[in-house]
Amino acid sequence: MLFTPGPTAVPPSVREAMAEPQPNPDIDPSFRERYEAVCEKLATIYDTDHDVVVMGGEGILGLEAAIASLVAPGDRVLCISNGLYGDGFADFVDSYDGEAELVSAPFDEGYDFDAIDEALESAADAGEPFALATMVHCETPTGTLNDLGPVLDRLEAHDVPSVVDAVSSLGGVPVPTDRIDVCLGASQKCFSAPPGLTTAAISDRAWDLVAERDPDSLYTNFRPWRDVSEDFPYTHLDANVAALDAALDRLLEEGLDAVYERHAAATERCRERGADLGLEPYPDGERASPTVTAFRLPGEASRIQRRVAEEEDVVLATGLGDLADDVLRIGHMGYNADVAKVDRAMDAVAAVSDSA
């Protein structure tokens, strides 16, 4: 039983769609029709009027493409972070010769709004405004869901465009996409399709910036995707698009309100079961994501993960980076946002804990 926070378990109907014979994406009009339909369905899930594109590449492609497409050498970028992926945006900015200013908060806390205010006001006073700001909605390695509203308020007041990694929240929790210039998603998280596709909702302002920057790249460039009415930039991943199409149909048939309620119920059950086992959540309270729960197990996470896999046939995830052996993660997102499945996963943790 795969119960990781991405890639997630893939339901049978999605696997079956992927296994069907596929049209040639370069020459068959039916593939273009499917691609356009997928973009329309994604716009509904994003809840946006922005353009939506689907690129061939795992979700990290979207994070790099956003920087490659929007940041020119010397541009100042405000990277707002309380996790590994937030920090990673600064690395991308550096690699594309931008100037990253990283405003960090502890991984188990929310954003540092005072530090964000100071950075924005200092930039304005110096006459060197930020060209862009980046942040992460759900930091998957720690199960932290960030409150984007107060940050977006501040960015709008300073007229700073925004890029948001919503890879592990989109489809499991509402995202304020119409307030975001580039909102990034991926196939392998709450959509429960196989990894391989990046999604992006892109505002008109962001498209204007892409046109100004004119990035010297193809694969990590949004620009060729603005108009694919004649040709795609490269051969698209036909089977992956078919799988994503089927996965989106599942969500839309269920209804987004019901999907969000299902995620909330699974989350509540997971944390109740964790509390019964004496497990401390990381983080706790309102900062905890409805798509993944992380528990603190200092020095024990890898051992517990291994025993759960070997003895109970349930695959969980540990933390990343410095938290690799200190955090155990339960991925109740997408197809696995189900109370009965959560019970199965937590039963496995309990069995290992009882025999420890």
Protein backbone atom coordinates (compact mmCIF):
# COMPACT_ATOMS: atom_id res chain seq x y z
CA MET A 1 0.00 0.00 0.00
CA LEU A 2 1.57 3.25 -1.20
CA PHE A 3 0.79 6.03 1.26
CA THR A 4 3.43 8.62 0.44
CA PRO A 5 2.84 12.34 -0.18
CA GLY A 6 3.67 11.99 -3.86
CA PRO A 7 3.92 10.20 -6.06
CA THR A 8 0.56 9.01 -4.78
CA ALA A 9 -1.33 5.79 -5.39
CA VAL A 10 -2.99 5.84 -8.83
CA PRO A 11 -6.61 4.62 -9.10
CA PRO A 12 -7.49 1.84 -11.59
CA SER A 13 -9.42 4.09 -13.99
CA VAL A 14 -6.39 6.37 -14.35
CA ARG A 15 -4.04 3.44 -14.95
CA GLU A 16 -6.45 2.05 -17.53
CA ALA A 17 -6.60 5.39 -19.36
CA MET A 18 -2.82 5.48 -19.53
CA ALA A 19 -2.69 1.93 -20.94
CA GLU A 20 -5.03 2.70 -23.85
CA PRO A 21 -3.61 3.20 -27.37
CA GLN A 22 -2.70 6.90 -27.66
CA PRO A 23 -2.93 9.36 -30.56
CA ASN A 24 0.27 10.77 -32.03
CA PRO A 25 0.56 14.12 -30.21
CA ASP A 26 2.42 15.73 -33.10
CA ILE A 27 -0.07 15.06 -35.88
CA ASP A 28 -3.37 13.71 -34.54
CA PRO A 29 -6.03 16.40 -33.90
CA SER A 30 -7.63 14.24 -31.20
CA PHE A 31 -4.61 14.74 -28.98
CA ARG A 32 -4.92 18.52 -29.25
CA GLU A 33 -8.59 18.24 -28.35
CA ARG A 34 -7.70 16.22 -25.27
CA TYR A 35 -4.97 18.70 -24.28
CA GLU A 36 -7.38 21.62 -24.57
CA ALA A 37 -10.00 19.75 -22.54
CA VAL A 38 -7.42 18.99 -19.84
CA CYS A 39 -6.49 22.68 -19.63
CA GLU A 40 -10.16 23.62 -19.26
CA LYS A 41 -10.65 21.07 -16.48
CA LEU A 42 -7.53 22.32 -14.74
CA ALA A 43 -8.83 25.89 -14.91
CA THR A 44 -11.92 24.72 -13.02
CA ILE A 45 -9.79 23.07 -10.33
CA TYR A 46 -7.47 26.08 -10.16
CA ASP A 47 -10.66 28.21 -10.03
CA THR A 48 -9.12 30.74 -12.39
CA ASP A 49 -9.57 32.70 -15.59
CA HIS A 50 -5.81 32.66 -16.16
CA ASP A 51 -4.31 30.67 -19.01
CA VAL A 52 -3.43 27.11 -18.01
CA VAL A 53 -0.63 25.12 -19.62
CA VAL A 54 0.52 21.52 -19.18
CA MET A 55 4.20 20.85 -19.76
CA GLY A 56 5.95 17.52 -20.16
CA GLY A 57 8.12 17.09 -17.10
CA GLU A 58 7.90 16.28 -13.38
CA GLY A 59 6.62 19.04 -11.10
CA ILE A 60 10.05 20.52 -10.35
CA LEU A 61 10.12 21.62 -14.01
CA GLY A 62 7.48 24.22 -13.19
CA LEU A 63 9.55 25.75 -10.39
CA GLU A 64 12.62 26.08 -12.59
CA ALA A 65 10.63 27.21 -15.63
CA ALA A 66 8.99 29.98 -13.61
CA ILE A 67 12.39 31.39 -12.70
CA ALA A 68 13.92 30.81 -16.14
CA SER A 69 10.95 32.50 -17.80
CA LEU A 70 10.47 35.47 -15.48
CA VAL A 71 13.90 36.37 -14.07
CA ALA A 72 16.49 38.27 -16.08
CA PRO A 73 20.14 38.52 -14.99
CA GLY A 74 20.39 41.00 -12.15
CA ASP A 75 16.69 40.90 -11.24
CA ARG A 76 16.05 41.01 -7.51
CA VAL A 77 13.74 38.21 -6.31
CA LEU A 78 12.16 37.93 -2.87
CA CYS A 79 12.14 34.25 -1.91
CA ILE A 80 9.80 33.71 1.05
CA SER A 81 10.44 30.40 2.77
CA ASN A 82 9.83 28.12 5.71
CA GLY A 83 10.94 24.90 4.06
CA LEU A 84 13.19 23.13 1.60
CA TYR A 85 11.19 23.99 -1.50
CA GLY A 86 10.96 27.64 -0.52
CA ASP A 87 14.73 27.66 -0.11
CA GLY A 88 15.05 25.91 -3.46
CA PHE A 89 13.52 28.84 -5.30
CA ALA A 90 16.51 30.94 -4.20
CA ASP A 91 18.85 28.33 -5.69
CA PHE A 92 17.05 28.56 -9.02
CA VAL A 93 17.24 32.36 -8.95
CA ASP A 94 20.99 32.17 -8.37
CA SER A 95 21.43 29.67 -11.19
CA TYR A 96 19.73 32.07 -13.63
CA ASP A 97 21.88 35.01 -12.49
CA GLY A 98 19.17 36.75 -10.52
CA GLU A 99 19.73 38.19 -7.05
CA ALA A 100 17.77 36.20 -4.48
CA GLU A 101 16.86 37.68 -1.11
CA LEU A 102 15.78 34.80 1.09
CA VAL A 103 13.37 35.64 3.93
CA SER A 104 13.27 32.49 6.05
CA ALA A 105 11.20 31.26 8.98
CA PRO A 106 11.60 28.04 11.00
CA PHE A 107 10.25 24.99 9.19
CA ASP A 108 7.54 24.40 11.81
CA GLU A 109 6.32 27.99 11.84
CA GLY A 110 4.41 30.26 9.48
CA TYR A 111 5.93 33.00 7.37
CA ASP A 112 7.72 35.88 9.09
CA PHE A 113 5.45 38.75 8.05
CA ASP A 114 7.58 41.38 9.81
CA ALA A 115 10.65 40.28 7.87
CA ILE A 116 8.66 40.30 4.62
CA ASP A 117 7.48 43.85 5.36
CA GLU A 118 11.02 44.95 6.08
CA ALA A 119 12.35 43.46 2.86
CA LEU A 120 9.64 45.02 0.71
CA GLU A 121 9.90 48.43 2.33
CA SER A 122 13.69 48.48 2.19
CA ALA A 123 13.61 47.62 -1.50
CA ALA A 124 11.07 50.37 -2.19
CA ASP A 125 13.04 52.95 -0.18
CA ALA A 126 16.23 52.06 -2.06
CA GLY A 127 14.50 52.37 -5.41
CA GLU A 128 15.35 48.74 -6.18
CA PRO A 129 11.97 46.95 -6.14
CA PHE A 130 11.73 43.21 -6.42
CA ALA A 131 11.01 41.88 -9.90
CA LEU A 132 9.29 38.82 -8.45
CA ALA A 133 8.43 37.01 -5.22
CA THR A 134 8.25 33.25 -4.70
CA MET A 135 6.63 31.07 -2.04
CA VAL A 136 5.27 27.59 -1.40
CA HIS A 137 1.67 26.85 -0.42
CA CYS A 138 2.28 23.42 1.09
CA GLU A 139 5.81 22.45 2.13
CA THR A 140 5.48 18.72 1.53
CA PRO A 141 8.61 17.67 3.50
CA THR A 142 7.10 19.01 6.75
CA GLY A 143 3.35 19.01 6.06
CA THR A 144 3.17 22.79 6.55
CA LEU A 145 0.36 24.72 4.83
CA ASN A 146 1.15 28.42 4.49
CA ASP A 147 -1.38 31.24 4.67
CA LEU A 148 -0.86 32.96 1.34
CA GLY A 149 -3.41 35.76 1.78
CA PRO A 150 -1.38 38.10 4.01
CA VAL A 151 1.68 37.73 1.78
CA LEU A 152 -0.30 38.35 -1.40
CA ASP A 153 -1.77 41.47 0.22
CA ARG A 154 1.74 42.78 0.81
CA LEU A 155 2.97 41.90 -2.67
CA GLU A 156 -0.02 43.58 -4.28
CA ALA A 157 0.59 46.73 -2.23
CA HIS A 158 4.15 46.84 -3.61
CA ASP A 159 3.16 45.71 -7.13
CA VAL A 160 5.40 42.63 -6.98
CA PRO A 161 4.41 39.67 -9.20
CA SER A 162 4.10 36.30 -7.47
CA VAL A 163 5.06 32.70 -8.16
CA VAL A 164 3.53 30.00 -5.93
CA ASP A 165 4.41 26.33 -5.74
CA ALA A 166 1.00 24.70 -5.10
CA VAL A 167 2.17 21.27 -6.23
CA SER A 168 1.05 19.40 -3.12
CA SER A 169 -2.02 21.49 -2.28
CA LEU A 170 -3.79 21.94 -5.63
CA GLY A 171 -6.74 19.57 -5.81
CA GLY A 172 -6.77 18.99 -2.05
CA VAL A 173 -7.35 22.47 -0.69
CA PRO A 174 -8.53 25.74 -2.29
CA VAL A 175 -5.75 27.91 -3.77
CA PRO A 176 -6.24 31.67 -4.40
CA THR A 177 -5.01 31.32 -7.97
CA ASP A 178 -6.49 34.52 -9.40
CA ARG A 179 -4.32 36.51 -6.98
CA ILE A 180 -1.18 34.67 -8.11
CA ASP A 181 0.74 35.41 -11.31
CA VAL A 182 2.17 31.90 -11.77
CA CYS A 183 0.56 29.07 -9.79
CA LEU A 184 2.30 25.72 -10.21
CA GLY A 185 0.92 22.21 -9.90
CA ALA A 186 1.84 18.68 -10.94
CA SER A 187 0.20 15.41 -11.87
CA GLN A 188 1.53 13.15 -9.10
CA LYS A 189 0.15 14.71 -5.94
CA CYS A 190 -3.55 15.38 -5.19
CA PHE A 191 -4.55 14.53 -8.77
CA SER A 192 -3.25 10.97 -8.23
CA ALA A 193 -1.94 10.59 -11.77
CA PRO A 194 1.57 9.29 -12.52
CA PRO A 195 4.47 11.73 -12.30
CA GLY A 196 5.51 13.39 -15.53
CA LEU A 197 3.45 16.56 -16.03
CA THR A 198 3.77 20.12 -14.73
CA THR A 199 0.74 22.41 -14.70
CA ALA A 200 0.79 26.20 -14.49
CA ALA A 201 -1.88 28.90 -14.33
CA ILE A 202 -0.30 32.05 -15.77
CA SER A 203 -1.66 35.61 -15.54
CA ASP A 204 -1.54 38.20 -18.30
CA ARG A 205 1.03 40.15 -16.28
CA ALA A 206 3.23 37.07 -16.07
CA TRP A 207 2.95 36.52 -19.82
CA ASP A 208 4.04 40.12 -20.38
CA LEU A 209 7.09 39.50 -18.21
CA VAL A 210 7.91 36.32 -20.14
CA ALA A 211 7.74 38.30 -23.39
CA GLU A 212 10.08 40.95 -21.97
CA ARG A 213 12.61 38.41 -20.68
CA ASP A 214 12.58 36.24 -23.83
CA PRO A 215 14.43 33.37 -22.12
CA ASP A 216 17.16 31.66 -24.06
CA SER A 217 15.80 28.17 -23.51
CA LEU A 218 13.13 25.80 -24.77
CA TYR A 219 12.41 23.16 -22.16
CA THR A 220 12.38 25.50 -19.15
CA ASN A 221 10.49 28.26 -20.93
CA PHE A 222 6.79 29.11 -20.63
CA ARG A 223 6.79 31.25 -23.76
CA PRO A 224 6.34 28.47 -26.38
CA TRP A 225 3.28 27.25 -24.45
CA ARG A 226 1.25 30.46 -24.70
CA ASP A 227 -0.07 29.48 -28.11
CA VAL A 228 0.05 25.81 -29.07
CA SER A 229 -2.79 26.03 -31.58
CA GLU A 230 -0.43 25.02 -34.38
CA ASP A 231 2.38 23.07 -32.73
CA PHE A 232 3.58 21.92 -29.33
CA PRO A 233 7.15 22.90 -28.42
CA TYR A 234 8.11 19.21 -28.40
CA THR A 235 6.42 15.82 -28.51
CA HIS A 236 4.03 15.74 -25.60
CA LEU A 237 3.64 12.87 -23.16
CA ASP A 238 0.48 11.40 -24.66
CA ALA A 239 -0.17 8.62 -22.14
CA ASN A 240 0.50 10.93 -19.19
CA VAL A 241 -1.97 13.48 -20.56
CA ALA A 242 -4.56 10.71 -20.94
CA ALA A 243 -3.99 9.66 -17.34
CA LEU A 244 -4.27 13.23 -16.06
CA ASP A 245 -7.48 13.68 -18.05
CA ALA A 246 -9.02 10.66 -16.33
CA ALA A 247 -7.76 11.80 -12.92
CA LEU A 248 -9.30 15.25 -13.37
CA ASP A 249 -12.61 13.68 -14.39
CA ARG A 250 -12.65 11.81 -11.08
CA LEU A 251 -12.23 15.03 -9.10
CA LEU A 252 -14.77 17.00 -11.09
CA GLU A 253 -17.36 14.21 -10.96
CA GLU A 254 -16.99 14.09 -7.17
CA GLY A 255 -17.21 17.88 -6.89
CA LEU A 256 -14.46 20.08 -5.46
CA ASP A 257 -16.31 20.86 -2.22
CA ALA A 258 -16.68 17.14 -1.57
CA VAL A 259 -13.02 16.57 -2.45
CA TYR A 260 -11.91 19.20 0.06
CA GLU A 261 -14.20 17.74 2.73
CA ARG A 262 -12.76 14.28 2.08
CA HIS A 263 -9.23 15.59 2.55
CA ALA A 264 -10.24 17.35 5.78
CA ALA A 265 -11.84 14.18 7.16
CA ALA A 266 -8.80 12.06 6.31
CA THR A 267 -6.53 14.62 7.92
CA GLU A 268 -8.57 14.73 11.11
CA ARG A 269 -8.54 10.94 11.36
CA CYS A 270 -4.80 10.74 10.78
CA ARG A 271 -4.05 13.21 13.55
CA GLU A 272 -6.50 11.57 15.94
CA ARG A 273 -4.78 8.23 15.38
CA GLY A 274 -1.39 9.85 15.78
CA ALA A 275 -2.45 11.44 19.07
CA ASP A 276 -3.63 8.03 20.31
CA LEU A 277 -0.12 6.72 19.61
CA GLY A 278 1.50 9.66 21.38
CA LEU A 279 2.92 11.05 18.15
CA GLU A 280 3.64 14.78 18.04
CA PRO A 281 2.59 16.52 14.79
CA TYR A 282 5.08 18.63 12.84
CA PRO A 283 3.79 21.31 12.63
CA ASP A 284 0.64 21.54 14.72
CA GLY A 285 -2.59 23.54 14.61
CA GLU A 286 -3.64 25.71 11.69
CA ARG A 287 -0.28 25.36 9.92
CA ALA A 288 -0.84 21.63 9.33
CA SER A 289 -1.69 20.71 5.74
CA PRO A 290 -4.87 18.81 4.82
CA THR A 291 -2.90 16.78 2.27
CA VAL A 292 0.00 15.38 4.30
CA THR A 293 0.66 14.86 8.00
CA ALA A 294 4.18 14.85 9.43
CA PHE A 295 4.94 13.38 12.86
CA ARG A 296 8.07 14.09 14.89
CA LEU A 297 10.11 10.94 15.52
CA PRO A 298 13.62 12.21 16.31
CA GLY A 299 16.19 9.67 15.18
CA GLU A 300 13.51 7.02 14.61
CA ALA A 301 11.69 7.92 11.39
CA SER A 302 13.77 5.83 9.01
CA ARG A 303 13.61 2.76 11.23
CA ILE A 304 9.84 3.03 11.64
CA GLN A 305 9.37 3.60 7.90
CA ARG A 306 11.46 0.52 7.10
CA ARG A 307 9.63 -1.71 9.57
CA VAL A 308 6.19 -0.55 8.38
CA ALA A 309 7.18 -1.41 4.81
CA GLU A 310 8.77 -4.77 5.64
CA GLU A 311 6.31 -6.01 8.25
CA GLU A 312 3.01 -4.34 7.29
CA ASP A 313 3.46 -3.78 3.53
CA VAL A 314 2.66 -0.05 3.80
CA VAL A 315 5.01 2.48 2.25
CA LEU A 316 5.31 5.80 4.09
CA ALA A 317 7.79 8.65 3.69
CA THR A 318 10.32 10.24 5.97
CA GLY A 319 11.35 13.88 6.01
CA LEU A 320 13.97 15.38 3.70
CA GLY A 321 17.29 17.08 4.29
CA ASP A 322 18.14 17.60 7.95
CA LEU A 323 14.79 16.08 8.95
CA ALA A 324 15.30 12.84 7.02
CA ASP A 325 15.42 10.72 10.19
CA ASP A 326 13.28 12.93 12.41
CA VAL A 327 9.94 13.13 10.57
CA LEU A 328 7.53 10.43 9.38
CA ARG A 329 5.05 11.55 6.73
CA ILE A 330 1.60 10.17 5.94
CA GLY A 331 0.37 11.15 2.46
CA HIS A 332 -3.43 11.37 2.75
CA MET A 333 -3.83 13.21 -0.55
CA GLY A 334 -5.77 12.51 -3.71
CA TYR A 335 -6.88 8.87 -4.02
CA ASN A 336 -5.57 8.22 -0.49
CA ALA A 337 -7.61 10.97 1.15
CA ASP A 338 -9.86 8.30 2.60
CA VAL A 339 -10.56 7.58 6.26
CA ALA A 340 -10.47 3.79 5.80
CA LYS A 341 -7.09 3.98 4.06
CA VAL A 342 -5.76 6.29 6.76
CA ASP A 343 -6.82 3.70 9.34
CA ARG A 344 -4.94 1.01 7.44
CA ALA A 345 -1.78 3.13 7.35
CA MET A 346 -2.01 4.12 11.00
CA ASP A 347 -2.79 0.54 12.03
CA ALA A 348 0.53 -0.37 10.45
CA VAL A 349 2.33 2.35 12.42
CA ALA A 350 0.58 1.19 15.59
CA ALA A 351 1.58 -2.45 15.00
CA VAL A 352 5.22 -1.49 14.65
CA SER A 353 5.06 0.83 17.65
CA ASP A 354 3.48 -1.88 19.84
CA SER A 355 6.25 -4.31 18.96
CA ALA A 356 9.11 -1.81 19.23
